Amino acid sequence: MNLALRWQAAPQRAFDAEQLGRLASLCLTLEVETYPKPGLVSHVDNGAHRDMDAALLRRSANTLAPFFSELAAAGAEGAGMGRLRAIGVAAEVAMLAATSGVNTHRGAIFGLGLLCAAAGYRSALGIRKPLGELVSQRWGEAILDGPISLRSHGAVASRRYGAGGARAEAACGFPSVYNVAVPALHAARQLAPHDEEAVRVQTCMALIAEVADTNLLHRGGADGLHFAQASASAFLAAGGIGRPGWHDRATGIHRAFVARNLSPGGSADLLAMALFVDRFESGC
């Protein structure tokens, strides 16, 4: 909660690339400081992950802040996808150096980085379009035409199961952020107006219920994705965080994911993106 207040105390009034980078890093940190998120690393436990913990994710988020700032500045200057991609590659190198080779935030570098670039572009031009719409308009075609990683888990799952994955999500303007996550954030705040961690749990569950998460497909196949979506949907249908005892039920789902080695990493990235979009677009 205190982390969020750092941004709320100084809402954005003019373009500031450094401030946007800090906000993006903060949103990644807030994702870590959320429990229970089914199968995911948090400040409580490591979820279904043996190679990372909360301290590693926090270090990764801090390492990425200047690169998010650089992406925002590049967006303000009207940079094309080639330049944005080069900054993203440098960010990934820095991330891997900081984490001793562990892929903590590759997906977030891509998605959140594009949103930072769009925030810079929007601020520089003084326009009011949603960030996702700007990403789609400015860089959507280049995103789809860009090089494809043949070995990443998400790319393999996308090809095997026909899921759109992160590239399609970004090129289409982040529909999972705007149509699922941000509305879930706002609705959850009506249920728990004084508990932002609970709000983030509810939003994460909404994403898991709706998104064809390639991380889930990689770990559990179609059956794993179905189990994850059904579990999150049942939690929401039963009242989610608005029903007494919700924390115990969410913890039970988390443990079931861990037992099945399921981790919805794509939903975690989308949660951080939604936090960024919500804070930026409500503060401008």
Protein backbone atom coordinates (compact mmCIF):
# COMPACT_ATOMS: atom_id res chain seq x y z
CA MET A 1 0.00 0.00 0.00
CA ASN A 2 2.79 2.40 0.88
CA LEU A 3 4.42 1.72 -2.47
CA ALA A 4 1.35 2.99 -4.31
CA LEU A 5 1.26 6.16 -2.24
CA ARG A 6 4.67 7.19 -3.56
CA TRP A 7 3.10 7.77 -6.97
CA GLN A 8 -0.20 9.10 -5.68
CA ALA A 9 1.59 11.83 -3.78
CA ALA A 10 3.01 13.22 -7.01
CA PRO A 11 0.58 12.59 -9.89
CA GLN A 12 1.83 13.26 -13.37
CA ARG A 13 1.12 16.75 -14.68
CA ALA A 14 3.80 17.03 -17.39
CA PHE A 15 5.97 14.63 -19.32
CA ASP A 16 8.76 13.19 -17.19
CA ALA A 17 10.49 10.12 -18.61
CA GLU A 18 12.26 9.32 -15.35
CA GLN A 19 8.99 9.43 -13.44
CA LEU A 20 7.32 7.12 -15.97
CA GLY A 21 10.18 4.66 -15.59
CA ARG A 22 9.78 4.70 -11.82
CA LEU A 23 6.03 4.15 -12.18
CA ALA A 24 6.55 1.14 -14.45
CA SER A 25 9.06 -0.33 -11.99
CA LEU A 26 6.65 0.34 -9.12
CA CYS A 27 3.86 -1.53 -10.92
CA LEU A 28 6.11 -4.57 -11.30
CA THR A 29 6.91 -4.38 -7.59
CA LEU A 30 3.23 -4.10 -6.67
CA GLU A 31 2.58 -7.27 -8.64
CA VAL A 32 5.16 -9.06 -6.45
CA GLU A 33 3.61 -7.58 -3.30
CA THR A 34 0.32 -9.35 -3.98
CA TYR A 35 -0.80 -12.57 -2.29
CA PRO A 36 -2.35 -14.97 -2.95
CA LYS A 37 -1.83 -15.02 -6.72
CA PRO A 38 -2.26 -18.60 -7.94
CA GLY A 39 1.09 -20.21 -8.68
CA LEU A 40 2.99 -16.93 -8.80
CA VAL A 41 5.91 -15.56 -6.77
CA SER A 42 4.92 -13.13 -4.02
CA HIS A 43 6.28 -11.67 -0.81
CA VAL A 44 4.86 -14.73 0.97
CA ASP A 45 6.26 -17.63 -1.08
CA ASN A 46 7.77 -18.62 -4.43
CA GLY A 47 4.65 -20.17 -5.90
CA ALA A 48 5.42 -22.76 -8.58
CA HIS A 49 8.90 -21.32 -9.19
CA ARG A 50 12.16 -22.84 -7.99
CA ASP A 51 14.46 -20.34 -9.66
CA MET A 52 13.14 -17.03 -8.32
CA ASP A 53 11.77 -15.31 -5.25
CA ALA A 54 10.38 -11.91 -4.31
CA ALA A 55 13.80 -10.39 -3.63
CA LEU A 56 14.98 -11.36 -7.12
CA LEU A 57 11.86 -9.90 -8.74
CA ARG A 58 12.24 -6.65 -6.80
CA ARG A 59 15.86 -6.38 -7.93
CA SER A 60 14.81 -7.02 -11.50
CA ALA A 61 12.10 -4.34 -11.31
CA ASN A 62 14.56 -1.79 -9.97
CA THR A 63 17.10 -2.67 -12.67
CA LEU A 64 14.52 -2.05 -15.40
CA ALA A 65 13.41 1.42 -14.26
CA PRO A 66 15.97 3.40 -16.35
CA PHE A 67 15.17 1.35 -19.44
CA PHE A 68 11.47 2.06 -19.06
CA SER A 69 12.43 5.74 -18.79
CA GLU A 70 14.49 5.43 -21.97
CA LEU A 71 11.53 3.85 -23.76
CA ALA A 72 9.27 6.69 -22.61
CA ALA A 73 11.78 9.25 -23.90
CA ALA A 74 12.09 7.39 -27.20
CA GLY A 75 8.32 7.34 -27.57
CA ALA A 76 8.20 11.09 -26.95
CA GLU A 77 10.68 11.54 -29.79
CA GLY A 78 8.53 9.49 -32.19
CA ALA A 79 10.83 6.47 -32.30
CA GLY A 80 10.00 3.52 -34.50
CA MET A 81 9.84 -0.09 -33.41
CA GLY A 82 13.47 -0.71 -34.31
CA ARG A 83 14.71 1.71 -31.70
CA LEU A 84 12.24 0.49 -29.09
CA ARG A 85 13.31 -3.09 -29.74
CA ALA A 86 16.99 -2.17 -29.28
CA ILE A 87 16.23 -0.59 -25.90
CA GLY A 88 14.23 -3.67 -24.95
CA VAL A 89 17.14 -5.95 -25.84
CA ALA A 90 19.45 -3.85 -23.67
CA ALA A 91 16.92 -4.04 -20.84
CA GLU A 92 16.80 -7.82 -21.13
CA VAL A 93 20.61 -8.03 -20.98
CA ALA A 94 20.61 -5.89 -17.82
CA MET A 95 17.82 -7.99 -16.31
CA LEU A 96 19.67 -11.25 -16.90
CA ALA A 97 22.86 -9.77 -15.45
CA ALA A 98 21.00 -8.65 -12.33
CA THR A 99 19.28 -12.02 -11.87
CA SER A 100 22.19 -14.32 -12.77
CA GLY A 101 20.42 -15.45 -15.92
CA VAL A 102 16.88 -15.90 -14.61
CA ASN A 103 14.09 -14.61 -16.87
CA THR A 104 12.09 -12.58 -14.37
CA HIS A 105 10.45 -9.93 -16.56
CA ARG A 106 11.02 -10.58 -20.27
CA GLY A 107 7.30 -10.34 -21.04
CA ALA A 108 6.93 -7.19 -18.98
CA ILE A 109 9.86 -5.54 -20.76
CA PHE A 110 7.94 -6.03 -24.00
CA GLY A 111 4.40 -5.08 -22.93
CA LEU A 112 5.07 -2.53 -20.22
CA GLY A 113 7.89 -1.09 -22.30
CA LEU A 114 5.53 -0.42 -25.20
CA LEU A 115 3.07 1.24 -22.82
CA CYS A 116 5.88 3.47 -21.51
CA ALA A 117 6.75 4.46 -25.08
CA ALA A 118 3.09 5.23 -25.75
CA ALA A 119 2.92 7.29 -22.54
CA GLY A 120 5.89 9.32 -23.71
CA TYR A 121 4.38 9.80 -27.15
CA ARG A 122 1.01 10.81 -25.71
CA SER A 123 2.57 13.25 -23.26
CA ALA A 124 4.76 14.86 -25.91
CA LEU A 125 1.82 15.45 -28.25
CA GLY A 126 -0.69 16.34 -25.54
CA ILE A 127 -3.29 13.87 -26.81
CA ARG A 128 -5.79 11.87 -24.76
CA LYS A 129 -6.04 8.53 -26.54
CA PRO A 130 -5.69 5.32 -24.47
CA LEU A 131 -2.14 4.02 -24.39
CA GLY A 132 -3.15 0.69 -25.88
CA GLU A 133 -4.75 2.39 -28.85
CA LEU A 134 -1.56 4.37 -29.43
CA VAL A 135 0.58 1.22 -29.29
CA SER A 136 -1.63 -0.44 -31.88
CA GLN A 137 -1.67 2.59 -34.17
CA ARG A 138 2.00 3.52 -33.87
CA TRP A 139 3.71 0.14 -33.74
CA GLY A 140 1.10 -2.59 -34.24
CA GLU A 141 2.13 -3.62 -37.74
CA ALA A 142 5.82 -3.59 -36.84
CA ILE A 143 5.13 -5.70 -33.76
CA LEU A 144 3.52 -8.42 -35.88
CA ASP A 145 6.19 -8.19 -38.59
CA GLY A 146 9.10 -8.30 -36.15
CA PRO A 147 11.41 -11.24 -35.44
CA ILE A 148 9.86 -14.21 -33.67
CA SER A 149 11.65 -16.01 -30.87
CA LEU A 150 11.53 -19.68 -31.84
CA ARG A 151 12.63 -21.01 -28.46
CA SER A 152 10.77 -18.93 -25.87
CA HIS A 153 8.16 -20.84 -23.89
CA GLY A 154 5.44 -18.41 -24.92
CA ALA A 155 6.28 -18.64 -28.62
CA VAL A 156 6.34 -22.45 -28.52
CA ALA A 157 2.97 -22.55 -26.72
CA SER A 158 1.51 -20.03 -29.16
CA ARG A 159 2.49 -22.16 -32.14
CA ARG A 160 1.35 -25.44 -30.56
CA TYR A 161 -2.01 -24.26 -29.23
CA GLY A 162 -2.84 -21.36 -31.55
CA ALA A 163 -2.87 -18.79 -28.75
CA GLY A 164 -2.20 -15.19 -29.76
CA GLY A 165 0.36 -14.50 -27.04
CA ALA A 166 2.05 -11.25 -26.11
CA ARG A 167 2.63 -10.04 -29.67
CA ALA A 168 -1.02 -10.25 -30.66
CA GLU A 169 -2.05 -8.69 -27.35
CA ALA A 170 0.18 -5.67 -27.93
CA ALA A 171 -0.59 -5.28 -31.63
CA CYS A 172 -4.32 -5.24 -30.86
CA GLY A 173 -3.93 -2.52 -28.22
CA PHE A 174 -3.87 -4.72 -25.09
CA PRO A 175 -7.53 -5.84 -25.02
CA SER A 176 -6.90 -7.97 -21.93
CA VAL A 177 -5.73 -4.86 -20.08
CA TYR A 178 -8.56 -2.61 -21.20
CA ASN A 179 -11.45 -5.07 -21.42
CA VAL A 180 -10.62 -7.32 -18.47
CA ALA A 181 -8.02 -6.00 -16.04
CA VAL A 182 -8.82 -2.29 -15.74
CA PRO A 183 -12.60 -2.87 -15.35
CA ALA A 184 -11.79 -5.57 -12.77
CA LEU A 185 -9.57 -3.12 -10.87
CA HIS A 186 -12.34 -0.54 -10.71
CA ALA A 187 -15.01 -3.07 -9.71
CA ALA A 188 -12.77 -4.59 -7.04
CA ARG A 189 -12.22 -1.19 -5.45
CA GLN A 190 -15.94 -1.04 -4.83
CA LEU A 191 -15.70 -4.36 -2.98
CA ALA A 192 -12.55 -3.50 -0.99
CA PRO A 193 -12.04 0.27 -1.09
CA HIS A 194 -9.30 0.21 1.56
CA ASP A 195 -7.37 -2.89 0.52
CA GLU A 196 -5.38 -2.46 -2.70
CA GLU A 197 -3.69 -5.84 -2.29
CA ALA A 198 -7.11 -7.54 -2.33
CA VAL A 199 -8.00 -5.46 -5.39
CA ARG A 200 -4.92 -6.79 -7.16
CA VAL A 201 -5.79 -10.38 -6.20
CA GLN A 202 -9.28 -9.97 -7.69
CA THR A 203 -7.85 -8.44 -10.87
CA CYS A 204 -5.32 -11.25 -11.23
CA MET A 205 -8.12 -13.81 -10.88
CA ALA A 206 -10.14 -12.00 -13.56
CA LEU A 207 -7.17 -12.17 -15.93
CA ILE A 208 -6.52 -15.86 -15.25
CA ALA A 209 -10.20 -16.60 -15.90
CA GLU A 210 -10.20 -14.88 -19.30
CA VAL A 211 -6.71 -14.97 -20.85
CA ALA A 212 -5.27 -17.86 -22.87
CA ASP A 213 -2.03 -17.53 -20.91
CA THR A 214 0.83 -19.10 -22.87
CA ASN A 215 2.76 -19.65 -19.62
CA LEU A 216 -0.06 -21.89 -18.40
CA LEU A 217 -0.15 -23.67 -21.75
CA HIS A 218 3.60 -24.23 -21.58
CA ARG A 219 3.45 -25.74 -18.10
CA GLY A 220 0.14 -27.59 -18.18
CA GLY A 221 -1.08 -27.77 -21.74
CA ALA A 222 -4.73 -27.27 -22.59
CA ASP A 223 -5.81 -29.17 -19.47
CA GLY A 224 -3.72 -26.91 -17.26
CA LEU A 225 -5.18 -23.80 -18.87
CA HIS A 226 -8.72 -25.14 -18.44
CA PHE A 227 -8.08 -25.97 -14.77
CA ALA A 228 -6.66 -22.51 -14.13
CA GLN A 229 -9.49 -20.68 -15.88
CA ALA A 230 -12.16 -22.79 -14.17
CA SER A 231 -10.60 -22.27 -10.74
CA ALA A 232 -10.38 -18.48 -11.14
CA SER A 233 -13.88 -18.29 -12.64
CA ALA A 234 -15.32 -20.25 -9.70
CA PHE A 235 -13.62 -17.90 -7.24
CA LEU A 236 -15.12 -14.87 -8.97
CA ALA A 237 -18.57 -16.46 -9.36
CA ALA A 238 -18.64 -17.15 -5.62
CA GLY A 239 -18.18 -13.44 -4.88
CA GLY A 240 -14.42 -13.09 -5.08
CA ILE A 241 -12.94 -10.71 -2.53
CA GLY A 242 -16.43 -9.49 -1.67
CA ARG A 243 -17.28 -12.69 0.16
CA PRO A 244 -16.09 -13.49 3.70
CA GLY A 245 -13.33 -16.09 3.76
CA TRP A 246 -12.07 -15.10 0.31
CA HIS A 247 -8.44 -15.12 1.37
CA ASP A 248 -8.54 -18.77 2.44
CA ARG A 249 -10.26 -19.77 -0.79
CA ALA A 250 -7.73 -17.87 -2.90
CA THR A 251 -4.89 -19.46 -0.91
CA GLY A 252 -6.36 -22.89 -1.63
CA ILE A 253 -6.40 -22.12 -5.36
CA HIS A 254 -2.82 -20.91 -5.12
CA ARG A 255 -1.73 -24.17 -3.51
CA ALA A 256 -3.59 -26.20 -6.13
CA PHE A 257 -1.71 -24.34 -8.87
CA VAL A 258 1.61 -24.99 -7.12
CA ALA A 259 0.79 -28.71 -6.81
CA ARG A 260 0.21 -28.80 -10.58
CA ASN A 261 3.28 -26.64 -11.35
CA LEU A 262 1.08 -23.98 -12.96
CA SER A 263 2.11 -20.33 -13.09
CA PRO A 264 0.13 -17.70 -15.04
CA GLY A 265 3.08 -15.46 -15.79
CA GLY A 266 1.30 -13.72 -18.64
CA SER A 267 -1.49 -12.68 -16.29
CA ALA A 268 1.09 -11.36 -13.84
CA ASP A 269 2.58 -9.16 -16.57
CA LEU A 270 -0.89 -7.97 -17.60
CA LEU A 271 -1.68 -7.09 -13.97
CA ALA A 272 1.39 -4.83 -13.84
CA MET A 273 0.42 -3.27 -17.17
CA ALA A 274 -3.10 -2.61 -15.93
CA LEU A 275 -1.75 -0.90 -12.81
CA PHE A 276 0.41 1.31 -15.03
CA VAL A 277 -2.43 2.17 -17.42
CA ASP A 278 -4.84 2.86 -14.57
CA ARG A 279 -2.46 5.18 -12.73
CA PHE A 280 -1.20 7.00 -15.83
CA GLU A 281 -4.54 7.51 -17.54
CA SER A 282 -6.33 8.54 -14.35
CA GLY A 283 -3.54 10.98 -13.42
CA CYS A 284 -3.26 12.80 -16.74
